Amino acid sequence: MSITDGDTVTFEYTGRLDDGTVFDTSREDVAAEAGLAEAQPERDYDPLTVEVGAGKVIDGMEDGLRGLEADESDTLEIPPEEAYGEWSEEAVQEFDADELREMLGGQTPEEGAYLQAQNGQQGEVVHVDEETVRVDFNPELAGETLTFDVEVVDVE
């Protein structure tokens, strides 16, 4: 039976960028080979279970799972607009360096550091000088076409 909205699907996956870099996987052996397991030692690598249509994974993943069946594998190419969106200059915010330093308890942020906004959104500090600090709140994978190798384990 083909996967449709409302089905609970368990699947293995490996996500790659255009250059072949693995950015996420449910497979421990792939994570070890890609260096992800070392970077996230507390993570469990297990198949992912989602309800298709519930919006718990990116749109392109849900679209790609629809129509597959248990024990079927496929490679899904997901454009930015069906993943994390296009990179946007509007998501890069500029702060007065003194005001931001005060909000951070006197600390000066460094380029490459991550800050969390009051709304919970994370941003990377991309520029620091005496007067301004620029923080990029775009999702890390914004603007990227993602390729996922998926293997459907179970459909309920």
N, C-alpha and C. Protein backbone atom coordinates (compact mmCIF):
# COMPACT_ATOMS: atom_id res chain seq x y z
N MET A 1 0.84 -1.18 0.00
CA MET A 1 0.00 0.00 0.00
C MET A 1 0.88 1.24 0.00
N SER A 2 0.57 2.19 -0.87
CA SER A 2 1.35 3.41 -1.00
C SER A 2 1.10 4.36 0.17
N ILE A 3 2.14 5.06 0.54
CA ILE A 3 2.06 6.03 1.64
C ILE A 3 1.19 7.22 1.23
N THR A 4 0.27 7.59 2.12
CA THR A 4 -0.58 8.77 1.92
C THR A 4 -0.63 9.56 3.22
N ASP A 5 -1.20 10.76 3.17
CA ASP A 5 -1.34 11.59 4.37
C ASP A 5 -2.06 10.81 5.47
N GLY A 6 -1.57 10.95 6.68
CA GLY A 6 -2.15 10.27 7.83
C GLY A 6 -1.43 8.98 8.18
N ASP A 7 -0.65 8.44 7.23
CA ASP A 7 0.12 7.22 7.52
C ASP A 7 1.28 7.55 8.44
N THR A 8 1.59 6.62 9.33
CA THR A 8 2.79 6.75 10.17
C THR A 8 3.88 5.93 9.48
N VAL A 9 4.96 6.61 9.14
CA VAL A 9 6.03 6.01 8.35
C VAL A 9 7.33 6.02 9.15
N THR A 10 8.00 4.88 9.19
CA THR A 10 9.32 4.76 9.79
C THR A 10 10.30 4.55 8.65
N PHE A 11 11.37 5.38 8.64
CA PHE A 11 12.32 5.28 7.53
C PHE A 11 13.73 5.63 7.97
N GLU A 12 14.68 5.02 7.28
CA GLU A 12 16.09 5.37 7.41
C GLU A 12 16.37 6.45 6.37
N TYR A 13 17.35 7.32 6.68
CA TYR A 13 17.67 8.38 5.72
C TYR A 13 19.12 8.82 5.86
N THR A 14 19.64 9.34 4.77
CA THR A 14 20.92 10.02 4.77
C THR A 14 20.75 11.26 3.90
N GLY A 15 21.06 12.43 4.47
CA GLY A 15 20.94 13.69 3.76
C GLY A 15 22.30 14.21 3.34
N ARG A 16 22.40 14.62 2.07
CA ARG A 16 23.65 15.14 1.53
C ARG A 16 23.43 16.49 0.87
N LEU A 17 24.49 17.30 0.85
CA LEU A 17 24.49 18.55 0.11
C LEU A 17 24.96 18.26 -1.31
N ASP A 18 24.89 19.28 -2.18
CA ASP A 18 25.32 19.11 -3.57
C ASP A 18 26.74 18.60 -3.72
N ASP A 19 27.61 18.97 -2.78
CA ASP A 19 29.02 18.54 -2.87
C ASP A 19 29.24 17.14 -2.29
N GLY A 20 28.16 16.47 -1.85
CA GLY A 20 28.27 15.11 -1.32
C GLY A 20 28.44 15.04 0.18
N THR A 21 28.60 16.18 0.84
CA THR A 21 28.77 16.21 2.29
C THR A 21 27.51 15.69 2.99
N VAL A 22 27.69 14.73 3.89
CA VAL A 22 26.56 14.22 4.68
C VAL A 22 26.31 15.21 5.82
N PHE A 23 25.07 15.74 5.90
CA PHE A 23 24.75 16.68 6.97
C PHE A 23 23.86 16.06 8.03
N ASP A 24 23.22 14.93 7.72
CA ASP A 24 22.37 14.26 8.70
C ASP A 24 22.08 12.85 8.22
N THR A 25 21.90 11.94 9.17
CA THR A 25 21.57 10.56 8.83
C THR A 25 20.96 9.86 10.04
N SER A 26 20.22 8.81 9.76
CA SER A 26 19.69 7.97 10.83
C SER A 26 20.56 6.73 11.02
N ARG A 27 21.57 6.57 10.18
CA ARG A 27 22.42 5.38 10.19
C ARG A 27 23.74 5.65 10.90
N GLU A 28 23.99 4.92 11.97
CA GLU A 28 25.18 5.15 12.79
C GLU A 28 26.47 4.94 12.00
N ASP A 29 26.53 3.93 11.12
CA ASP A 29 27.75 3.69 10.36
C ASP A 29 28.06 4.84 9.41
N VAL A 30 27.02 5.42 8.80
CA VAL A 30 27.20 6.57 7.92
C VAL A 30 27.64 7.79 8.74
N ALA A 31 27.04 7.96 9.91
CA ALA A 31 27.40 9.08 10.79
C ALA A 31 28.86 8.97 11.22
N ALA A 32 29.31 7.77 11.55
CA ALA A 32 30.70 7.57 11.96
C ALA A 32 31.65 7.91 10.81
N GLU A 33 31.32 7.43 9.63
CA GLU A 33 32.17 7.67 8.46
C GLU A 33 32.23 9.15 8.11
N ALA A 34 31.13 9.88 8.29
CA ALA A 34 31.05 11.30 7.94
C ALA A 34 31.55 12.21 9.05
N GLY A 35 31.86 11.66 10.24
CA GLY A 35 32.32 12.47 11.36
C GLY A 35 31.20 13.07 12.18
N LEU A 36 29.96 12.72 11.86
CA LEU A 36 28.82 13.26 12.62
C LEU A 36 28.71 12.64 14.00
N ALA A 37 29.01 11.35 14.12
CA ALA A 37 28.88 10.65 15.40
C ALA A 37 29.84 11.25 16.43
N GLU A 38 31.02 11.61 15.99
CA GLU A 38 32.00 12.22 16.88
C GLU A 38 31.54 13.60 17.34
N ALA A 39 30.90 14.35 16.43
CA ALA A 39 30.41 15.70 16.75
C ALA A 39 29.18 15.67 17.64
N GLN A 40 28.42 14.56 17.61
CA GLN A 40 27.20 14.44 18.41
C GLN A 40 27.21 13.10 19.16
N PRO A 41 28.12 12.95 20.14
CA PRO A 41 28.28 11.65 20.80
C PRO A 41 27.06 11.16 21.57
N GLU A 42 26.17 12.04 21.97
CA GLU A 42 24.99 11.65 22.75
C GLU A 42 23.81 11.23 21.88
N ARG A 43 23.92 11.44 20.59
CA ARG A 43 22.79 11.19 19.69
C ARG A 43 22.59 9.69 19.45
N ASP A 44 21.32 9.29 19.41
CA ASP A 44 20.96 7.94 19.01
C ASP A 44 20.66 7.96 17.52
N TYR A 45 21.20 6.99 16.81
CA TYR A 45 20.94 6.89 15.37
C TYR A 45 19.92 5.79 15.15
N ASP A 46 18.67 6.20 14.97
CA ASP A 46 17.56 5.29 14.79
C ASP A 46 16.73 5.77 13.61
N PRO A 47 15.96 4.87 13.01
CA PRO A 47 15.04 5.31 11.95
C PRO A 47 14.10 6.39 12.50
N LEU A 48 13.66 7.26 11.62
CA LEU A 48 12.75 8.35 11.98
C LEU A 48 11.32 7.89 11.73
N THR A 49 10.42 8.20 12.65
CA THR A 49 9.01 7.88 12.49
C THR A 49 8.22 9.17 12.49
N VAL A 50 7.44 9.39 11.43
CA VAL A 50 6.62 10.60 11.30
C VAL A 50 5.25 10.26 10.74
N GLU A 51 4.30 11.12 11.03
CA GLU A 51 2.99 11.03 10.40
C GLU A 51 3.03 11.91 9.16
N VAL A 52 2.85 11.33 8.00
CA VAL A 52 2.90 12.08 6.75
C VAL A 52 1.73 13.06 6.72
N GLY A 53 2.04 14.31 6.41
CA GLY A 53 1.03 15.36 6.35
C GLY A 53 0.91 16.16 7.62
N ALA A 54 1.62 15.75 8.67
CA ALA A 54 1.53 16.46 9.95
C ALA A 54 2.50 17.64 10.04
N GLY A 55 3.37 17.80 9.05
CA GLY A 55 4.28 18.94 9.03
C GLY A 55 5.44 18.84 9.99
N LYS A 56 5.83 17.63 10.36
CA LYS A 56 6.95 17.45 11.31
C LYS A 56 8.30 17.34 10.61
N VAL A 57 8.30 17.18 9.28
CA VAL A 57 9.53 17.18 8.49
C VAL A 57 9.35 18.18 7.36
N ILE A 58 10.42 18.51 6.67
CA ILE A 58 10.34 19.48 5.58
C ILE A 58 9.36 19.00 4.51
N ASP A 59 8.75 19.95 3.81
CA ASP A 59 7.73 19.65 2.80
C ASP A 59 8.23 18.66 1.76
N GLY A 60 9.45 18.86 1.28
CA GLY A 60 9.99 17.99 0.24
C GLY A 60 10.13 16.55 0.69
N MET A 61 10.40 16.34 1.97
CA MET A 61 10.50 14.98 2.50
C MET A 61 9.12 14.33 2.52
N GLU A 62 8.12 15.05 3.00
CA GLU A 62 6.76 14.51 3.00
C GLU A 62 6.31 14.19 1.58
N ASP A 63 6.55 15.12 0.65
CA ASP A 63 6.16 14.89 -0.74
C ASP A 63 6.86 13.66 -1.30
N GLY A 64 8.13 13.49 -0.96
CA GLY A 64 8.91 12.35 -1.47
C GLY A 64 8.48 11.02 -0.89
N LEU A 65 7.99 11.02 0.33
CA LEU A 65 7.54 9.78 0.96
C LEU A 65 6.19 9.32 0.40
N ARG A 66 5.35 10.27 0.03
CA ARG A 66 4.03 9.92 -0.51
C ARG A 66 4.20 9.04 -1.76
N GLY A 67 3.49 7.95 -1.79
CA GLY A 67 3.54 7.05 -2.94
C GLY A 67 4.52 5.91 -2.79
N LEU A 68 5.48 6.04 -1.84
CA LEU A 68 6.40 4.93 -1.60
C LEU A 68 5.69 3.85 -0.79
N GLU A 69 6.31 2.68 -0.69
CA GLU A 69 5.75 1.58 0.07
C GLU A 69 6.81 1.03 1.02
N ALA A 70 6.37 0.21 1.99
CA ALA A 70 7.30 -0.42 2.93
C ALA A 70 8.35 -1.19 2.14
N ASP A 71 9.58 -1.16 2.62
CA ASP A 71 10.74 -1.83 2.03
C ASP A 71 11.20 -1.19 0.72
N GLU A 72 10.64 -0.03 0.35
CA GLU A 72 11.05 0.65 -0.87
C GLU A 72 12.09 1.72 -0.53
N SER A 73 13.04 1.93 -1.43
CA SER A 73 14.07 2.95 -1.27
C SER A 73 13.97 3.93 -2.42
N ASP A 74 14.39 5.17 -2.16
CA ASP A 74 14.37 6.18 -3.20
C ASP A 74 15.38 7.26 -2.85
N THR A 75 15.77 8.03 -3.85
CA THR A 75 16.62 9.20 -3.63
C THR A 75 15.76 10.42 -3.95
N LEU A 76 15.64 11.32 -2.97
CA LEU A 76 14.80 12.52 -3.10
C LEU A 76 15.70 13.74 -3.25
N GLU A 77 15.49 14.51 -4.30
CA GLU A 77 16.21 15.78 -4.45
C GLU A 77 15.23 16.89 -4.10
N ILE A 78 15.57 17.63 -3.06
CA ILE A 78 14.63 18.61 -2.51
C ILE A 78 15.20 20.02 -2.69
N PRO A 79 14.52 20.86 -3.49
CA PRO A 79 15.00 22.23 -3.69
C PRO A 79 14.79 23.07 -2.43
N PRO A 80 15.52 24.18 -2.33
CA PRO A 80 15.42 25.03 -1.12
C PRO A 80 14.00 25.41 -0.73
N GLU A 81 13.14 25.71 -1.72
CA GLU A 81 11.78 26.17 -1.39
C GLU A 81 10.94 25.07 -0.76
N GLU A 82 11.36 23.81 -0.85
CA GLU A 82 10.65 22.70 -0.21
C GLU A 82 11.43 22.17 1.00
N ALA A 83 12.51 22.89 1.33
CA ALA A 83 13.35 22.48 2.46
C ALA A 83 13.38 23.62 3.49
N TYR A 84 14.48 24.36 3.53
CA TYR A 84 14.64 25.42 4.52
C TYR A 84 14.55 26.82 3.93
N GLY A 85 14.09 26.91 2.69
CA GLY A 85 13.90 28.21 2.05
C GLY A 85 15.18 28.75 1.44
N GLU A 86 15.02 29.82 0.70
CA GLU A 86 16.17 30.50 0.11
C GLU A 86 16.86 31.34 1.18
N TRP A 87 18.16 31.54 1.02
CA TRP A 87 18.89 32.42 1.93
C TRP A 87 18.39 33.84 1.69
N SER A 88 18.18 34.59 2.78
CA SER A 88 17.62 35.93 2.68
C SER A 88 18.45 36.95 3.46
N GLU A 89 18.76 38.05 2.80
CA GLU A 89 19.49 39.14 3.46
C GLU A 89 18.64 39.72 4.61
N GLU A 90 17.31 39.61 4.49
CA GLU A 90 16.41 40.14 5.52
C GLU A 90 16.56 39.40 6.85
N ALA A 91 17.08 38.17 6.80
CA ALA A 91 17.26 37.39 8.03
C ALA A 91 18.59 37.70 8.72
N VAL A 92 19.39 38.58 8.12
CA VAL A 92 20.64 39.02 8.72
C VAL A 92 20.36 40.35 9.42
N GLN A 93 20.53 40.36 10.74
CA GLN A 93 20.20 41.55 11.52
C GLN A 93 21.47 42.23 12.03
N GLU A 94 21.41 43.54 12.06
CA GLU A 94 22.54 44.31 12.53
C GLU A 94 22.19 44.90 13.91
N PHE A 95 23.14 44.78 14.83
CA PHE A 95 22.95 45.29 16.19
C PHE A 95 24.03 46.29 16.52
N ASP A 96 23.69 47.25 17.36
CA ASP A 96 24.69 48.16 17.91
C ASP A 96 25.57 47.33 18.84
N ALA A 97 26.88 47.37 18.63
CA ALA A 97 27.81 46.52 19.38
C ALA A 97 27.72 46.75 20.89
N ASP A 98 27.62 48.01 21.33
CA ASP A 98 27.55 48.30 22.76
C ASP A 98 26.26 47.75 23.37
N GLU A 99 25.13 47.92 22.67
CA GLU A 99 23.85 47.41 23.18
C GLU A 99 23.86 45.88 23.27
N LEU A 100 24.39 45.23 22.25
CA LEU A 100 24.44 43.77 22.25
C LEU A 100 25.37 43.27 23.36
N ARG A 101 26.50 43.95 23.53
CA ARG A 101 27.45 43.59 24.59
C ARG A 101 26.75 43.68 25.95
N GLU A 102 25.96 44.72 26.15
CA GLU A 102 25.23 44.89 27.41
C GLU A 102 24.22 43.76 27.60
N MET A 103 23.49 43.39 26.52
CA MET A 103 22.51 42.30 26.61
C MET A 103 23.19 40.97 26.92
N LEU A 104 24.46 40.84 26.53
CA LEU A 104 25.21 39.60 26.75
C LEU A 104 26.04 39.65 28.04
N GLY A 105 25.70 40.57 28.92
CA GLY A 105 26.39 40.65 30.20
C GLY A 105 27.82 41.11 30.11
N GLY A 106 28.10 41.96 29.13
CA GLY A 106 29.44 42.52 29.00
C GLY A 106 30.34 41.76 28.02
N GLN A 107 29.87 40.63 27.52
CA GLN A 107 30.67 39.86 26.58
C GLN A 107 30.57 40.43 25.17
N THR A 108 31.69 40.38 24.46
CA THR A 108 31.70 40.77 23.06
C THR A 108 31.60 39.49 22.23
N PRO A 109 30.56 39.37 21.40
CA PRO A 109 30.44 38.16 20.59
C PRO A 109 31.56 38.09 19.55
N GLU A 110 31.94 36.88 19.19
CA GLU A 110 32.98 36.68 18.19
C GLU A 110 32.35 36.11 16.92
N GLU A 111 32.96 36.41 15.77
CA GLU A 111 32.48 35.84 14.52
C GLU A 111 32.52 34.32 14.63
N GLY A 112 31.45 33.69 14.13
CA GLY A 112 31.35 32.23 14.19
C GLY A 112 30.59 31.72 15.40
N ALA A 113 30.38 32.61 16.39
CA ALA A 113 29.62 32.21 17.58
C ALA A 113 28.13 32.20 17.23
N TYR A 114 27.37 31.48 18.01
CA TYR A 114 25.92 31.42 17.81
C TYR A 114 25.22 32.10 18.97
N LEU A 115 24.19 32.88 18.64
CA LEU A 115 23.38 33.56 19.64
C LEU A 115 21.94 33.08 19.50
N GLN A 116 21.22 33.07 20.59
CA GLN A 116 19.81 32.72 20.55
C GLN A 116 18.99 33.96 20.84
N ALA A 117 18.06 34.25 19.92
CA ALA A 117 17.19 35.41 20.08
C ALA A 117 16.11 35.10 21.11
N GLN A 118 15.40 36.12 21.54
CA GLN A 118 14.33 35.93 22.51
C GLN A 118 13.23 35.01 22.01
N ASN A 119 13.06 34.94 20.67
CA ASN A 119 12.03 34.06 20.10
C ASN A 119 12.53 32.62 19.94
N GLY A 120 13.77 32.35 20.39
CA GLY A 120 14.32 31.00 20.34
C GLY A 120 15.11 30.71 19.08
N GLN A 121 15.06 31.61 18.12
CA GLN A 121 15.77 31.41 16.87
C GLN A 121 17.27 31.58 17.08
N GLN A 122 18.07 30.69 16.45
CA GLN A 122 19.52 30.79 16.56
C GLN A 122 20.10 31.52 15.37
N GLY A 123 21.13 32.30 15.62
CA GLY A 123 21.80 33.02 14.55
C GLY A 123 23.30 32.95 14.73
N GLU A 124 24.00 33.00 13.60
CA GLU A 124 25.47 32.98 13.63
C GLU A 124 26.00 34.39 13.50
N VAL A 125 26.94 34.74 14.37
CA VAL A 125 27.59 36.05 14.29
C VAL A 125 28.52 36.02 13.07
N VAL A 126 28.22 36.90 12.10
CA VAL A 126 28.99 36.88 10.85
C VAL A 126 29.89 38.10 10.68
N HIS A 127 29.73 39.11 11.55
CA HIS A 127 30.58 40.31 11.47
C HIS A 127 30.59 40.99 12.83
N VAL A 128 31.78 41.40 13.26
CA VAL A 128 31.91 42.16 14.50
C VAL A 128 32.93 43.27 14.27
N ASP A 129 32.55 44.50 14.60
CA ASP A 129 33.52 45.58 14.67
C ASP A 129 33.18 46.44 15.88
N GLU A 130 33.82 47.55 16.07
CA GLU A 130 33.60 48.38 17.26
C GLU A 130 32.18 48.91 17.36
N GLU A 131 31.52 49.11 16.22
CA GLU A 131 30.21 49.74 16.22
C GLU A 131 29.05 48.78 16.00
N THR A 132 29.24 47.74 15.18
CA THR A 132 28.12 46.89 14.81
C THR A 132 28.47 45.39 14.89
N VAL A 133 27.42 44.63 15.09
CA VAL A 133 27.51 43.17 15.06
C VAL A 133 26.39 42.70 14.13
N ARG A 134 26.74 41.86 13.14
CA ARG A 134 25.74 41.30 12.23
C ARG A 134 25.54 39.83 12.58
N VAL A 135 24.25 39.44 12.69
CA VAL A 135 23.90 38.07 13.05
C VAL A 135 22.98 37.51 11.96
N ASP A 136 23.37 36.36 11.42
CA ASP A 136 22.63 35.69 10.35
C ASP A 136 21.66 34.68 10.97
N PHE A 137 20.36 34.98 10.88
CA PHE A 137 19.33 34.10 11.44
C PHE A 137 18.72 33.17 10.37
N ASN A 138 19.32 33.10 9.18
CA ASN A 138 18.86 32.14 8.19
C ASN A 138 19.10 30.73 8.73
N PRO A 139 18.20 29.78 8.42
CA PRO A 139 18.49 28.40 8.80
C PRO A 139 19.83 27.96 8.17
N GLU A 140 20.54 27.10 8.85
CA GLU A 140 21.86 26.66 8.38
C GLU A 140 21.82 26.11 6.96
N LEU A 141 20.73 25.44 6.60
CA LEU A 141 20.63 24.83 5.27
C LEU A 141 19.81 25.67 4.28
N ALA A 142 19.56 26.93 4.62
CA ALA A 142 18.83 27.81 3.69
C ALA A 142 19.60 27.93 2.38
N GLY A 143 18.87 27.88 1.28
CA GLY A 143 19.48 28.04 -0.03
C GLY A 143 20.09 26.77 -0.59
N GLU A 144 20.06 25.70 0.17
CA GLU A 144 20.69 24.44 -0.26
C GLU A 144 19.66 23.50 -0.89
N THR A 145 20.06 22.84 -1.98
CA THR A 145 19.30 21.72 -2.51
C THR A 145 19.78 20.49 -1.75
N LEU A 146 18.85 19.75 -1.17
CA LEU A 146 19.19 18.61 -0.33
C LEU A 146 18.85 17.31 -1.05
N THR A 147 19.72 16.32 -0.92
CA THR A 147 19.47 15.00 -1.49
C THR A 147 19.38 14.01 -0.35
N PHE A 148 18.28 13.30 -0.29
CA PHE A 148 18.07 12.30 0.75
C PHE A 148 17.93 10.91 0.13
N ASP A 149 18.73 9.98 0.61
CA ASP A 149 18.51 8.56 0.33
C ASP A 149 17.61 8.06 1.44
N VAL A 150 16.42 7.57 1.09
CA VAL A 150 15.48 7.08 2.09
C VAL A 150 15.17 5.61 1.83
N GLU A 151 14.95 4.90 2.93
CA GLU A 151 14.52 3.51 2.87
C GLU A 151 13.36 3.36 3.83
N VAL A 152 12.17 3.07 3.31
CA VAL A 152 10.97 2.93 4.12
C VAL A 152 11.05 1.59 4.85
N VAL A 153 11.01 1.65 6.19
CA VAL A 153 11.09 0.45 7.03
C VAL A 153 9.69 -0.09 7.33
N ASP A 154 8.76 0.84 7.64
CA ASP A 154 7.42 0.41 8.03
C ASP A 154 6.41 1.50 7.72
N VAL A 155 5.17 1.07 7.40
CA VAL A 155 4.07 2.00 7.15
C VAL A 155 2.87 1.48 7.94
N GLU A 156 2.28 2.35 8.76
CA GLU A 156 1.08 1.97 9.54
C GLU A 156 -0.06 2.90 9.21
